[in-house]
Amino acid sequence: MRVANIIEDARIAGPQIRNLKVSKTLNKKIFVTLIFPKENSKILENLCLKHSVNYLSLSLTTIKKSLIGILFYIFSFPFEVFKLAKILKKNNYDLVHVSGGCWQSKGVFAAKIAQIKVVWELNDTYTPTLVRFFFFFFSRMANGFIFASDRTRKYYKKFISINTKSFIIQSPVDINLFDPNKKIKNDKFLNKKKFKKKIIIATVGNINPNKGHITFLKTAKNLTEYQKKVIFIVVGPIYKSQKKYFKFLKNFVKSNNIRNIYFTGPKEDIRPLLKGTDIYVCTSNNESSPLAVWEAMAMKKPIVSTNVGDVSKFVKNHKNGYVVNVKDDKSLAKCLSNLIKNTTARKKFGNLSRKTAKYKLNLDLCANLHLKAYKNIMLI
């Protein structure tokens, strides 16, 4: 079986990592090619080469929030769809897997033109009304859907025909790579003398409003009593489109005199930082199957998270962490305070996190579910 996995944004985030890891594992059984835009693709291309994953980087337009960016995306849409269709037909793909969410539809149109079956992966729990309106009509073109979480499936249920095949597959974590028992070098940032004997609380994600970084900062503000004991770390790249938001976050830190928050920028390998972290926090406003949380769980970390996506299915209160309402910085602070004061609970929670990731979120399980979904779609 030859599968083309298409995503319209090459910037590294959860969906791109998911595609890379699953493709690497599936390539032992079938032939998978990742297809993505050339723009911002350098890191993803290097990762594909490093992991021996087949890829094609093409001149595809990524939609941008500006009016000019949206108009250019609409103008280039038909030309790029036909270009994609030609490539799909030339390479004799049996199935097209469209990733990245409901607004990424070029691969769906291209697959239909090339007369190739298509499975559409949805990985969000919020889209603008106009996008949902178009998706309602376009969804009929898909032969099946992969949902990254049960919450995503419920969100899109009313927009999709009841007879369309669907599969729920969580974002996978490579438990062999994310293994706290492995010898992993110390993180250079955390290795600073001033961080020794401090409790490290970290969050990982691209700097953007959806990740709820302002909630993370407000939580830190609520815990000023621990300023000399605790360090808050924000890990993630700052893209050009989010520089204004990042400036807003920095101003919030400065105006509230919060002295124990640090922005590290991106990390090529997040494992050293996770290994040195005591508590992992997710403050997102919307998620589906947050890979960063699963990776922290695999590294034996207690989790404190907002109730997004399927987090509550894998993070249980008082067992391996706490789940609170979105934007509830006061509850987040209270839960963190409990863990800051209780070393035994942190260790106990972390052990269960690892076990949960190992048996319910591991890469092999996810890859096998993808293969099963592909074969099921091919039988239609």
Protein backbone atom coordinates (compact mmCIF):
# COMPACT_ATOMS: atom_id res chain seq x y z
CA MET A 1 0.00 0.00 0.00
CA ARG A 2 1.26 3.47 -0.94
CA VAL A 3 0.00 6.33 1.24
CA ALA A 4 0.49 10.09 0.79
CA ASN A 5 0.17 12.03 4.05
CA ILE A 6 -0.48 15.71 3.25
CA ILE A 7 -0.29 18.64 5.65
CA GLU A 8 -0.39 22.32 4.63
CA ASP A 9 1.86 23.71 7.36
CA ALA A 10 5.47 22.56 7.80
CA ARG A 11 6.16 24.35 11.08
CA ILE A 12 7.02 21.86 13.79
CA ALA A 13 4.16 21.19 16.20
CA GLY A 14 2.15 18.20 17.43
CA PRO A 15 0.55 17.23 14.07
CA GLN A 16 3.89 17.30 12.23
CA ILE A 17 5.61 15.20 14.90
CA ARG A 18 2.68 12.77 14.88
CA ASN A 19 2.94 12.34 11.10
CA LEU A 20 6.69 11.84 11.28
CA LYS A 21 6.62 9.23 14.05
CA VAL A 22 3.68 7.27 12.66
CA SER A 23 5.14 7.28 9.13
CA LYS A 24 8.47 6.01 10.39
CA THR A 25 6.76 3.12 12.17
CA LEU A 26 4.37 2.34 9.31
CA ASN A 27 7.16 2.28 6.72
CA LYS A 28 8.12 -1.14 8.09
CA LYS A 29 4.87 -2.47 6.61
CA ILE A 30 3.69 0.00 3.93
CA PHE A 31 5.11 2.90 1.90
CA VAL A 32 4.26 6.33 3.35
CA THR A 33 5.32 9.73 1.99
CA LEU A 34 4.91 12.99 3.89
CA ILE A 35 3.93 15.93 1.67
CA PHE A 36 4.21 19.48 3.03
CA PRO A 37 5.00 23.09 1.93
CA LYS A 38 8.58 24.24 1.37
CA GLU A 39 7.98 27.32 3.53
CA ASN A 40 9.26 26.82 7.11
CA SER A 41 10.12 23.20 6.27
CA LYS A 42 13.85 23.07 7.08
CA ILE A 43 13.46 21.44 10.52
CA LEU A 44 10.82 18.98 9.30
CA GLU A 45 12.94 18.03 6.28
CA ASN A 46 15.96 17.38 8.52
CA LEU A 47 13.85 15.22 10.81
CA CYS A 48 12.56 13.23 7.84
CA LEU A 49 16.13 12.61 6.69
CA LYS A 50 17.24 11.71 10.21
CA HIS A 51 14.44 9.16 10.61
CA SER A 52 14.55 7.88 7.00
CA VAL A 53 11.00 9.02 6.27
CA ASN A 54 10.04 9.66 2.63
CA TYR A 55 8.92 13.22 1.93
CA LEU A 56 8.10 15.78 -0.75
CA SER A 57 8.32 19.51 0.01
CA LEU A 58 6.27 21.46 -2.52
CA SER A 59 5.36 25.06 -3.30
CA LEU A 60 2.10 24.99 -1.36
CA THR A 61 0.56 28.08 0.18
CA THR A 62 -0.08 28.05 3.92
CA ILE A 63 -3.08 30.13 4.94
CA LYS A 64 -2.27 33.20 7.03
CA LYS A 65 -4.52 35.33 9.24
CA SER A 66 -4.01 38.56 7.30
CA LEU A 67 -6.50 39.59 4.59
CA ILE A 68 -3.78 39.44 1.92
CA GLY A 69 -2.72 36.00 3.16
CA ILE A 70 -6.30 34.68 2.99
CA LEU A 71 -6.90 36.13 -0.49
CA PHE A 72 -3.64 34.69 -1.81
CA TYR A 73 -4.53 31.29 -0.35
CA ILE A 74 -7.93 31.37 -2.10
CA PHE A 75 -6.41 32.53 -5.41
CA SER A 76 -3.70 29.83 -5.42
CA PHE A 77 -6.04 27.07 -4.19
CA PRO A 78 -7.22 25.60 -7.55
CA PHE A 79 -3.75 25.72 -9.13
CA GLU A 80 -2.15 23.94 -6.17
CA VAL A 81 -4.94 21.37 -5.97
CA PHE A 82 -4.40 20.34 -9.61
CA LYS A 83 -0.63 20.28 -9.07
CA LEU A 84 -1.10 17.99 -6.08
CA ALA A 85 -3.50 15.76 -8.00
CA LYS A 86 -0.94 15.35 -10.77
CA ILE A 87 1.77 14.34 -8.27
CA LEU A 88 -0.54 11.89 -6.50
CA LYS A 89 -1.46 10.21 -9.78
CA LYS A 90 2.14 10.13 -11.03
CA ASN A 91 3.33 8.38 -7.86
CA ASN A 92 0.53 5.81 -7.92
CA TYR A 93 -0.67 6.34 -4.35
CA ASP A 94 -3.44 4.05 -3.14
CA LEU A 95 -4.64 6.32 -0.35
CA VAL A 96 -4.35 9.97 0.66
CA HIS A 97 -4.24 10.88 4.36
CA VAL A 98 -5.03 14.57 4.86
CA SER A 99 -3.69 15.91 8.18
CA GLY A 100 -3.84 19.20 10.05
CA GLY A 101 -7.55 19.79 10.64
CA CYS A 102 -10.73 20.63 8.77
CA TRP A 103 -9.39 23.81 7.12
CA GLN A 104 -6.68 21.85 5.27
CA SER A 105 -8.65 20.54 2.32
CA LYS A 106 -6.31 20.77 -0.69
CA GLY A 107 -5.35 17.12 -0.28
CA VAL A 108 -9.01 16.10 -0.21
CA PHE A 109 -9.80 17.88 -3.49
CA ALA A 110 -6.58 16.61 -5.09
CA ALA A 111 -7.34 13.03 -4.09
CA LYS A 112 -10.83 13.19 -5.60
CA ILE A 113 -9.48 14.63 -8.87
CA ALA A 114 -6.83 11.88 -8.96
CA GLN A 115 -9.57 9.32 -8.13
CA ILE A 116 -7.79 8.12 -5.00
CA LYS A 117 -9.50 7.27 -1.74
CA VAL A 118 -8.95 9.76 1.06
CA VAL A 119 -9.06 9.70 4.86
CA TRP A 120 -9.28 13.09 6.58
CA GLU A 121 -7.68 13.54 9.99
CA LEU A 122 -9.26 16.08 12.34
CA ASN A 123 -7.30 17.23 15.39
CA ASP A 124 -9.04 20.26 16.85
CA THR A 125 -12.09 21.15 18.95
CA TYR A 126 -12.74 24.66 17.67
CA THR A 127 -13.04 26.23 14.21
CA PRO A 128 -14.55 29.54 13.02
CA THR A 129 -18.18 29.39 11.86
CA LEU A 130 -17.33 30.08 8.21
CA VAL A 131 -14.79 27.24 8.12
CA ARG A 132 -17.33 24.85 9.67
CA PHE A 133 -19.89 25.91 7.05
CA PHE A 134 -17.60 24.95 4.15
CA PHE A 135 -16.44 21.81 5.92
CA PHE A 136 -20.06 20.61 6.18
CA PHE A 137 -20.17 20.36 2.35
CA PHE A 138 -16.55 19.28 1.75
CA SER A 139 -16.73 16.48 4.34
CA ARG A 140 -18.83 14.42 1.91
CA MET A 141 -15.75 13.95 -0.25
CA ALA A 142 -13.84 11.97 2.40
CA ASN A 143 -14.06 8.18 2.45
CA GLY A 144 -13.37 8.20 6.18
CA PHE A 145 -12.17 10.25 9.13
CA ILE A 146 -9.50 9.85 11.78
CA PHE A 147 -10.23 11.82 14.95
CA ALA A 148 -7.34 12.62 17.29
CA SER A 149 -9.67 12.38 20.27
CA ASP A 150 -13.19 11.47 21.31
CA ARG A 151 -13.83 15.16 22.03
CA THR A 152 -12.92 16.01 18.42
CA ARG A 153 -15.26 13.30 17.16
CA LYS A 154 -18.12 14.73 19.23
CA TYR A 155 -17.33 18.26 18.04
CA TYR A 156 -17.56 17.31 14.34
CA LYS A 157 -20.31 14.69 14.64
CA LYS A 158 -23.12 16.93 13.37
CA PHE A 159 -21.09 17.99 10.30
CA ILE A 160 -20.33 14.47 9.07
CA SER A 161 -22.59 11.83 7.53
CA ILE A 162 -23.47 9.11 10.03
CA ASN A 163 -22.54 6.45 7.43
CA THR A 164 -18.96 7.68 6.97
CA LYS A 165 -16.34 5.43 8.55
CA SER A 166 -14.49 6.99 11.45
CA PHE A 167 -11.64 6.06 13.78
CA ILE A 168 -10.33 7.60 17.02
CA ILE A 169 -6.53 7.53 17.24
CA GLN A 170 -4.72 9.52 19.91
CA SER A 171 -1.43 11.31 19.25
CA PRO A 172 1.30 8.74 19.95
CA VAL A 173 4.30 9.00 22.22
CA ASP A 174 7.49 7.06 21.58
CA ILE A 175 7.88 5.50 25.03
CA ASN A 176 11.29 4.05 24.13
CA LEU A 177 12.61 7.49 23.23
CA PHE A 178 10.81 9.27 26.07
CA ASP A 179 12.16 7.02 28.79
CA PRO A 180 13.33 8.63 32.07
CA ASN A 181 15.50 5.60 32.81
CA LYS A 182 17.61 6.24 29.73
CA LYS A 183 20.85 8.16 30.05
CA ILE A 184 19.88 11.65 28.87
CA LYS A 185 22.22 14.62 29.02
CA ASN A 186 21.32 17.44 31.37
CA ASP A 187 19.49 20.42 29.92
CA LYS A 188 21.90 23.34 29.61
CA PHE A 189 19.30 25.89 30.68
CA LEU A 190 18.31 24.00 33.83
CA ASN A 191 21.94 23.23 34.60
CA LYS A 192 22.52 26.80 35.78
CA LYS A 193 23.63 27.14 39.38
CA LYS A 194 20.69 29.38 40.34
CA PHE A 195 18.23 26.59 39.41
CA LYS A 196 19.80 23.97 41.65
CA LYS A 197 17.44 22.60 44.32
CA LYS A 198 14.52 24.50 42.76
CA ILE A 199 11.20 22.89 41.84
CA ILE A 200 10.81 23.19 38.07
CA ILE A 201 7.33 23.68 36.60
CA ALA A 202 7.28 23.62 32.79
CA THR A 203 4.92 23.98 29.86
CA VAL A 204 5.73 23.26 26.21
CA GLY A 205 4.06 24.71 23.11
CA ASN A 206 4.35 27.27 20.34
CA ILE A 207 3.80 30.77 21.69
CA ASN A 208 0.22 31.58 20.70
CA PRO A 209 -3.00 32.54 22.55
CA ASN A 210 -4.57 29.09 22.12
CA LYS A 211 -1.88 27.55 24.34
CA GLY A 212 -3.12 29.69 27.22
CA HIS A 213 0.27 31.08 28.19
CA ILE A 214 -1.40 34.02 29.92
CA THR A 215 -3.14 31.51 32.22
CA PHE A 216 0.25 29.97 32.95
CA LEU A 217 1.64 33.40 33.88
CA LYS A 218 -1.38 34.23 36.04
CA THR A 219 -0.93 30.90 37.83
CA ALA A 220 2.68 31.82 38.55
CA LYS A 221 1.49 35.18 39.87
CA ASN A 222 -0.90 33.37 42.23
CA LEU A 223 2.04 31.43 43.63
CA THR A 224 4.35 34.33 44.51
CA GLU A 225 4.82 32.81 47.96
CA TYR A 226 6.99 30.18 46.26
CA GLN A 227 9.13 32.62 44.21
CA LYS A 228 12.33 31.53 45.95
CA LYS A 229 11.50 27.84 45.71
CA VAL A 230 9.89 27.40 42.28
CA ILE A 231 10.91 28.15 38.67
CA PHE A 232 8.34 28.43 35.86
CA ILE A 233 9.60 27.53 32.38
CA VAL A 234 7.87 28.25 29.04
CA VAL A 235 9.33 26.27 26.12
CA GLY A 236 8.39 26.92 22.50
CA PRO A 237 9.23 28.87 19.35
CA ILE A 238 7.98 32.40 18.74
CA TYR A 239 6.88 32.72 15.12
CA LYS A 240 6.71 36.07 13.37
CA SER A 241 2.90 36.09 13.53
CA GLN A 242 3.00 35.82 17.33
CA LYS A 243 5.64 38.42 18.22
CA LYS A 244 2.95 40.87 19.34
CA TYR A 245 1.44 38.25 21.64
CA PHE A 246 4.85 37.39 23.06
CA LYS A 247 5.45 41.06 23.81
CA PHE A 248 2.13 41.12 25.66
CA LEU A 249 3.24 38.14 27.78
CA LYS A 250 6.59 39.74 28.59
CA ASN A 251 4.86 42.98 29.60
CA PHE A 252 2.53 41.02 31.89
CA VAL A 253 5.51 39.42 33.63
CA LYS A 254 7.24 42.77 34.02
CA SER A 255 4.20 44.74 35.21
CA ASN A 256 3.37 42.06 37.81
CA ASN A 257 6.98 41.77 38.97
CA ILE A 258 7.06 37.99 38.47
CA ARG A 259 10.72 37.08 38.86
CA ASN A 260 10.71 33.31 38.46
CA ILE A 261 9.40 32.90 34.88
CA TYR A 262 11.72 32.07 31.98
CA PHE A 263 11.05 31.74 28.24
CA THR A 264 13.60 29.36 26.69
CA GLY A 265 12.53 29.42 23.04
CA PRO A 266 12.38 26.11 21.12
CA LYS A 267 14.24 22.94 22.08
CA GLU A 268 15.44 20.51 19.42
CA ASP A 269 15.27 17.71 22.00
CA ILE A 270 12.76 18.30 24.78
CA ARG A 271 13.72 15.20 26.81
CA PRO A 272 16.57 16.77 28.85
CA LEU A 273 14.27 19.58 29.99
CA LEU A 274 11.42 17.18 30.78
CA LYS A 275 13.78 14.99 32.77
CA GLY A 276 14.75 17.99 34.89
CA THR A 277 11.13 19.10 35.31
CA ASP A 278 9.22 18.30 38.52
CA ILE A 279 5.67 19.16 37.38
CA TYR A 280 4.30 19.54 33.85
CA VAL A 281 1.49 22.02 33.17
CA CYS A 282 -0.86 22.39 30.19
CA THR A 283 -2.88 25.62 30.17
CA SER A 284 -4.32 25.35 26.65
CA ASN A 285 -7.74 26.74 25.75
CA ASN A 286 -8.31 24.14 23.03
CA GLU A 287 -6.58 20.83 22.31
CA SER A 288 -7.51 17.43 20.98
CA SER A 289 -4.79 14.94 21.87
CA PRO A 290 -1.92 17.05 23.26
CA LEU A 291 1.34 15.28 22.41
CA ALA A 292 3.38 17.49 24.76
CA VAL A 293 1.31 16.22 27.71
CA TRP A 294 1.71 12.57 26.66
CA GLU A 295 5.49 13.04 26.34
CA ALA A 296 5.68 14.54 29.83
CA MET A 297 3.67 11.56 31.14
CA ALA A 298 6.08 9.15 29.46
CA MET A 299 8.90 10.93 31.32
CA LYS A 300 7.17 10.17 34.67
CA LYS A 301 5.85 13.66 35.33
CA PRO A 302 2.76 14.57 37.36
CA ILE A 303 0.37 16.57 35.18
CA VAL A 304 -1.72 19.64 35.97
CA SER A 305 -3.88 20.53 32.98
CA THR A 306 -6.90 22.43 31.80
CA ASN A 307 -9.77 20.18 30.71
CA VAL A 308 -9.02 20.13 26.98
CA GLY A 309 -9.27 17.35 24.42
CA ASP A 310 -9.06 13.86 25.93
CA VAL A 311 -6.74 14.86 28.77
CA SER A 312 -9.27 13.81 31.43
CA LYS A 313 -9.27 10.27 29.99
CA PHE A 314 -5.59 9.86 30.81
CA VAL A 315 -4.98 12.30 33.68
CA LYS A 316 -7.00 11.36 36.74
CA ASN A 317 -7.42 13.71 39.70
CA HIS A 318 -5.37 12.70 42.76
CA LYS A 319 -3.89 9.74 40.85
CA ASN A 320 -1.42 11.07 38.28
CA GLY A 321 -2.33 14.76 38.29
CA TYR A 322 -5.16 17.26 38.27
CA VAL A 323 -7.56 18.54 35.61
CA VAL A 324 -9.22 21.95 36.01
CA ASN A 325 -11.47 24.19 33.92
CA VAL A 326 -9.99 26.20 31.05
CA LYS A 327 -8.54 29.59 32.14
CA ASP A 328 -8.98 28.73 35.83
CA ASP A 329 -5.60 30.00 37.06
CA LYS A 330 -6.72 29.92 40.72
CA SER A 331 -7.50 26.19 40.62
CA LEU A 332 -4.27 25.56 38.72
CA ALA A 333 -2.35 27.38 41.43
CA LYS A 334 -4.09 25.39 44.18
CA CYS A 335 -3.26 22.05 42.50
CA LEU A 336 0.34 23.10 41.92
CA SER A 337 0.64 24.19 45.53
CA ASN A 338 -0.42 20.69 46.62
CA LEU A 339 2.29 19.10 44.49
CA ILE A 340 4.97 21.65 45.39
CA LYS A 341 4.53 20.71 49.05
CA ASN A 342 4.30 16.93 48.48
CA THR A 343 7.37 15.19 47.02
CA THR A 344 5.84 11.74 47.59
CA ALA A 345 2.72 12.64 45.58
CA ARG A 346 4.85 13.94 42.70
CA LYS A 347 6.71 10.64 42.51
CA LYS A 348 3.56 8.54 42.84
CA PHE A 349 1.70 10.57 40.19
CA GLY A 350 4.69 10.40 37.85
CA ASN A 351 4.89 6.60 38.05
CA LEU A 352 1.24 6.25 37.04
CA SER A 353 1.71 8.79 34.23
CA ARG A 354 4.46 6.64 32.75
CA LYS A 355 2.34 3.50 33.01
CA THR A 356 -0.62 5.22 31.31
CA ALA A 357 1.53 6.48 28.43
CA LYS A 358 3.15 3.08 28.01
CA TYR A 359 -0.06 1.07 27.73
CA LYS A 360 -2.55 3.54 26.26
CA LEU A 361 -0.64 6.13 24.22
CA ASN A 362 2.37 4.32 22.79
CA LEU A 363 3.56 4.71 19.19
CA ASP A 364 3.17 1.07 18.12
CA LEU A 365 -0.46 1.04 19.23
CA CYS A 366 -1.17 4.24 17.32
CA ALA A 367 0.62 3.05 14.16
CA ASN A 368 -1.31 -0.23 14.16
CA LEU A 369 -4.58 1.67 14.50
CA HIS A 370 -3.61 3.80 11.48
CA LEU A 371 -2.84 0.72 9.43
CA LYS A 372 -6.17 -0.82 10.44
CA ALA A 373 -7.97 2.39 9.43
CA TYR A 374 -6.18 2.53 6.07
CA LYS A 375 -7.08 -1.08 5.24
CA ASN A 376 -10.67 -0.45 6.30
CA ILE A 377 -10.94 2.59 4.00
CA MET A 378 -9.43 0.64 1.11
CA LEU A 379 -12.23 -1.94 1.39
CA ILE A 380 -14.93 0.65 0.67
